[in-house]
Amino acid sequence: MSAVVQAPREMVEAVAALHLPPTADRRLQVLMNRNTNGDLSAQEREELASLVEVSEVISLVRADALHLLGRKPE
């Protein structure tokens, strides 16, 4: 079932602008690089999986917001 929900444009713009915070993004990059080299501990693999999951969710909600705004990701 599909429903139409109205939201203020400013809210949709804010969702479209979401990103991982810089510290989390840097940590994600470090963990991905170390993972490529096979240097992660079990705890770091869990941390990487969590950061990837959060990043993917942000990407999906951003994509929906950008679609509503008629824009493509930058």
Protein backbone atom coordinates (compact mmCIF):
# COMPACT_ATOMS: atom_id res chain seq x y z
CA MET A 1 0.00 0.00 0.00
CA SER A 2 1.40 3.36 -1.02
CA ALA A 3 0.61 6.56 0.82
CA VAL A 4 1.39 10.17 0.10
CA VAL A 5 2.99 12.07 2.95
CA GLN A 6 3.69 15.75 2.79
CA ALA A 7 6.91 17.08 4.29
CA PRO A 8 8.43 20.54 4.36
CA ARG A 9 10.95 21.01 1.54
CA GLU A 10 13.56 22.02 4.13
CA MET A 11 13.22 18.60 5.76
CA VAL A 12 13.67 16.78 2.46
CA GLU A 13 16.66 19.01 1.65
CA ALA A 14 18.18 18.16 5.05
CA VAL A 15 17.77 14.43 4.40
CA ALA A 16 19.29 14.87 0.93
CA ALA A 17 22.34 16.50 2.53
CA LEU A 18 22.99 13.70 5.06
CA HIS A 19 26.48 12.19 5.19
CA LEU A 20 28.51 10.26 7.70
CA PRO A 21 30.19 12.65 10.10
CA PRO A 22 33.81 13.33 9.02
CA THR A 23 35.29 11.34 11.91
CA ALA A 24 33.14 8.31 11.12
CA ASP A 25 33.91 8.61 7.41
CA ARG A 26 37.65 8.74 8.08
CA ARG A 27 37.37 5.70 10.36
CA LEU A 28 35.41 3.84 7.68
CA GLN A 29 38.14 4.60 5.12
CA VAL A 30 40.88 3.42 7.50
CA LEU A 31 39.03 0.19 8.26
CA MET A 32 38.30 -0.47 4.57
CA ASN A 33 41.97 0.02 3.69
CA ARG A 34 43.11 -2.23 6.51
CA ASN A 35 40.50 -4.81 5.51
CA THR A 36 41.86 -4.84 1.97
CA ASN A 37 45.25 -5.73 3.45
CA GLY A 38 43.71 -8.38 5.72
CA ASP A 39 44.81 -6.54 8.87
CA LEU A 40 41.51 -6.29 10.83
CA SER A 41 40.81 -7.83 14.20
CA ALA A 42 37.41 -9.44 14.82
CA GLN A 43 36.28 -6.31 16.70
CA GLU A 44 37.38 -4.07 13.83
CA ARG A 45 35.50 -6.28 11.33
CA GLU A 46 32.35 -5.76 13.41
CA GLU A 47 33.00 -2.02 13.53
CA LEU A 48 33.52 -1.96 9.76
CA ALA A 49 30.30 -3.89 9.16
CA SER A 50 28.38 -1.44 11.35
CA LEU A 51 29.81 1.63 9.63
CA VAL A 52 29.09 0.15 6.20
CA GLU A 53 25.51 -0.57 7.26
CA VAL A 54 24.98 2.99 8.51
CA SER A 55 26.56 4.39 5.34
CA GLU A 56 24.28 2.27 3.15
CA VAL A 57 21.15 3.36 5.05
CA ILE A 58 22.18 7.01 4.71
CA SER A 59 22.74 6.49 0.99
CA LEU A 60 19.31 4.96 0.53
CA VAL A 61 17.40 7.68 2.39
CA ARG A 62 19.45 10.35 0.58
CA ALA A 63 18.60 8.74 -2.76
CA ASP A 64 14.89 8.82 -1.91
CA ALA A 65 15.11 12.48 -0.86
CA LEU A 66 17.07 13.43 -3.98
CA HIS A 67 14.52 11.60 -6.13
CA LEU A 68 11.71 13.58 -4.49
CA LEU A 69 13.64 16.77 -5.21
CA GLY A 70 14.25 15.74 -8.81
CA ARG A 71 18.03 15.74 -8.38
CA LYS A 72 20.81 13.21 -8.83
CA PRO A 73 23.55 12.46 -6.27
CA GLU A 74 26.63 14.64 -6.54
